[in-house]
Protein backbone atom coordinates (compact mmCIF):
# COMPACT_ATOMS: atom_id res chain seq x y z
CA UNK A 1 0.40 -0.07 0.16
CA UNK A 2 1.82 3.29 -0.87
CA UNK A 3 0.30 6.19 0.63
CA UNK A 4 0.96 9.72 -0.58
CA UNK A 5 -0.08 13.09 1.54
CA UNK A 6 -0.39 15.78 -1.17
CA UNK A 7 -1.47 19.86 -0.62
CA UNK A 8 -4.95 20.53 -2.47
CA UNK A 9 -5.42 23.72 -4.37
CA UNK A 10 -8.14 25.24 -7.12
CA UNK A 11 -7.90 22.57 -9.06
CA UNK A 12 -8.72 19.92 -6.41
CA UNK A 13 -11.76 21.34 -5.16
CA UNK A 14 -14.93 19.20 -6.85
CA UNK A 15 -12.57 16.58 -5.35
CA UNK A 16 -12.96 18.28 -2.05
CA UNK A 17 -16.60 18.75 -2.50
CA UNK A 18 -17.20 14.82 -3.25
CA UNK A 19 -15.17 13.66 -0.57
CA UNK A 20 -16.02 15.86 1.75
CA UNK A 21 -19.92 15.17 1.41
CA UNK A 22 -19.39 11.68 0.95
CA UNK A 23 -17.93 10.79 4.18
CA UNK A 24 -19.99 13.79 5.91
CA UNK A 25 -23.35 11.58 4.96
CA UNK A 26 -21.46 8.49 5.63
CA UNK A 27 -20.50 8.93 9.24
CA UNK A 28 -23.68 11.18 10.44
CA UNK A 29 -26.66 10.16 8.45
CA UNK A 30 -27.95 7.19 10.70
CA UNK A 31 -28.54 9.50 13.94
CA UNK A 32 -29.38 12.90 12.36
CA UNK A 33 -32.41 14.15 10.41
CA UNK A 34 -31.72 13.94 6.49
CA UNK A 35 -32.58 17.58 6.03
CA UNK A 36 -30.33 18.56 8.37
CA UNK A 37 -27.35 17.06 6.99
CA UNK A 38 -28.36 18.09 3.54
CA UNK A 39 -28.64 21.87 4.91
CA UNK A 40 -25.32 21.30 5.72
CA UNK A 41 -23.53 19.68 3.25
CA UNK A 42 -25.29 22.25 0.94
CA UNK A 43 -23.21 25.06 3.01
CA UNK A 44 -20.13 23.31 4.23
CA UNK A 45 -19.13 21.75 1.02
CA UNK A 46 -20.39 24.61 -1.77
CA UNK A 47 -17.57 25.26 -4.07
CA UNK A 48 -17.75 28.59 -3.29
CA UNK A 49 -17.27 27.95 0.42
CA UNK A 50 -14.29 25.77 -0.49
CA UNK A 51 -12.53 27.99 -2.76
CA UNK A 52 -12.52 30.70 -0.03
CA UNK A 53 -10.99 28.38 2.43
CA UNK A 54 -8.45 27.02 0.30
CA UNK A 55 -7.58 30.58 -0.43
CA UNK A 56 -7.44 31.56 3.57
CA UNK A 57 -4.04 32.03 4.05
CA UNK A 58 -3.88 30.08 7.47
CA UNK A 59 -5.78 27.37 5.96
CA UNK A 60 -4.49 24.44 4.58
CA UNK A 61 -6.06 21.04 3.06
CA UNK A 62 -4.03 18.06 1.99
CA UNK A 63 -5.31 14.80 0.39
CA UNK A 64 -4.43 11.27 1.40
CA UNK A 65 -3.64 8.89 -1.36
CA UNK A 66 -3.89 5.17 -1.54
CA UNK A 67 -2.37 3.57 -4.57
CA UNK A 68 -2.86 6.64 -6.38
CA UNK A 69 -6.88 6.71 -5.20
CA UNK A 70 -7.82 9.75 -2.95
CA UNK A 71 -9.04 7.65 0.22
CA UNK A 72 -9.85 11.30 2.17
CA UNK A 73 -8.42 14.60 3.31
CA UNK A 74 -7.36 16.41 5.96
CA UNK A 75 -8.01 20.56 6.82
CA UNK A 76 -6.15 22.09 9.34
CA UNK A 77 -6.32 26.27 10.63
CA UNK A 78 -4.06 28.20 12.47
CA UNK A 79 -4.57 31.81 13.73
CA UNK A 80 -7.74 33.87 12.59
CA UNK A 81 -8.91 30.82 10.27
CA UNK A 82 -9.46 28.48 13.68
CA UNK A 83 -13.10 27.76 14.32
CA UNK A 84 -12.54 29.27 18.01
CA UNK A 85 -10.21 31.55 19.51
CA UNK A 86 -7.71 29.53 20.71
CA UNK A 87 -4.40 31.42 19.79
CA UNK A 88 -1.54 31.92 18.02
CA UNK A 89 0.33 28.81 19.54
CA UNK A 90 -2.62 26.30 18.22
CA UNK A 91 -2.74 24.39 15.56
CA UNK A 92 -6.53 23.80 14.74
CA UNK A 93 -7.45 19.75 13.04
CA UNK A 94 -10.74 21.03 11.41
CA UNK A 95 -11.68 18.24 9.20
CA UNK A 96 -10.11 14.25 8.76
CA UNK A 97 -12.56 12.47 6.69
CA UNK A 98 -11.67 9.09 5.40
CA UNK A 99 -13.92 7.43 2.84
CA UNK A 100 -15.29 4.45 4.57
CA UNK A 101 -13.85 2.08 1.72
CA UNK A 102 -10.60 2.90 3.24
CA UNK A 103 -11.04 3.24 6.73
CA UNK A 104 -9.45 0.40 9.81
CA UNK A 105 -6.12 0.96 7.98
CA UNK A 106 -4.29 3.62 10.19
CA UNK A 107 -5.11 6.59 7.34
CA UNK A 108 -7.02 8.21 10.39
CA UNK A 109 -3.43 7.62 12.43
CA UNK A 110 -1.62 8.76 9.62
CA UNK A 111 -3.43 11.73 8.96
CA UNK A 112 -3.01 13.11 12.62
CA UNK A 113 0.48 12.64 12.45
CA UNK A 114 0.71 15.22 9.65
CA UNK A 115 -1.26 17.39 11.63
CA UNK A 116 1.12 17.07 14.38
CA UNK A 117 3.77 17.84 11.82
CA UNK A 118 2.36 20.99 10.65
CA UNK A 119 1.98 22.20 13.89
CA UNK A 120 5.60 21.60 14.63
CA UNK A 121 7.08 22.83 11.48
CA UNK A 122 4.59 26.32 12.06
CA UNK A 123 6.18 26.07 15.85
CA UNK A 124 2.52 25.60 17.55
CA UNK A 125 2.30 23.93 21.20
CA UNK A 126 -1.16 22.70 20.71
CA UNK A 127 -3.39 20.49 18.19
CA UNK A 128 -6.74 20.80 19.06
CA UNK A 129 -10.18 19.55 17.27
CA UNK A 130 -13.78 19.56 18.00
CA UNK A 131 -15.53 15.43 17.81
CA UNK A 132 -19.50 14.96 18.06
CA UNK A 133 -20.04 14.25 22.07
CA UNK A 134 -22.06 11.19 20.45
CA UNK A 135 -18.91 10.12 18.54
CA UNK A 136 -17.55 7.37 21.12
CA UNK A 137 -15.45 5.94 18.71
CA UNK A 138 -13.98 9.17 17.53
CA UNK A 139 -13.51 10.15 21.22
CA UNK A 140 -11.80 7.11 22.61
CA UNK A 141 -9.38 7.01 19.02
CA UNK A 142 -8.18 10.99 20.06
CA UNK A 143 -7.68 9.74 23.83
CA UNK A 144 -5.60 6.67 22.51
CA UNK A 145 -3.31 9.77 20.87
CA UNK A 146 -2.96 11.35 23.84
CA UNK A 147 -6.19 14.34 23.62
CA UNK A 148 -7.88 15.16 26.08
CA UNK A 149 -11.06 17.64 26.57
CA UNK A 150 -10.57 20.69 27.42
CA UNK A 151 -13.97 22.13 26.17
CA UNK A 152 -16.96 22.27 24.25
CA UNK A 153 -18.91 24.15 21.21
CA UNK A 154 -22.02 24.57 19.91
CA UNK A 155 -22.11 23.06 16.18
CA UNK A 156 -24.94 24.24 14.18
CA UNK A 157 -26.29 20.91 11.68
CA UNK A 158 -29.06 22.33 9.31
CA UNK A 159 -30.95 24.27 12.35
CA UNK A 160 -30.10 21.77 14.98
CA UNK A 161 -27.40 23.03 17.33
CA UNK A 162 -25.26 20.02 18.55
CA UNK A 163 -22.41 19.58 20.77
CA UNK A 164 -18.65 19.14 20.21
CA UNK A 165 -16.38 18.29 22.49
CA UNK A 166 -13.00 20.51 22.12
CA UNK A 167 -9.92 18.11 22.67
CA UNK A 168 -6.79 19.10 22.42
CA UNK A 169 -3.15 17.55 22.56
CA UNK A 170 0.15 19.69 24.13
CA UNK A 171 3.50 18.82 21.80
CA UNK A 172 6.43 18.05 23.80
């Protein structure tokens, strides 16, 4: 298995849109109402929104490919691109999306490790992310990697407000 990590640019918008909307639906469709999922996907993964995020100087997107096929992507934010004010010493992992057919192959851990390397490159002390309070498997995964819950924040899914746990890891 050959795994590659590729920075995204404007030419990748359609693929980002597809991977983002597909994996979001795969992960969250069952426990949520379809209209809330659809409303979120239409907004969050609209090409104009993705282009805006791609152009933000403190946001970065990366594809992870397995044997040349896009398996998912990572989005990280720093400075004022972070979805919460966490300071200049923090890097946010906003999205780790792995297609269902590529899960359980170590790609989540691979992307987390890539995020840690990006944080070190930019001299960030803390790496944080938001995880849905009901996503027990993801919470356990992040805890296993050394993340601890440091807060909560609201996440709007359609017009339904949900809670995400803020989980943080301080890098050594």
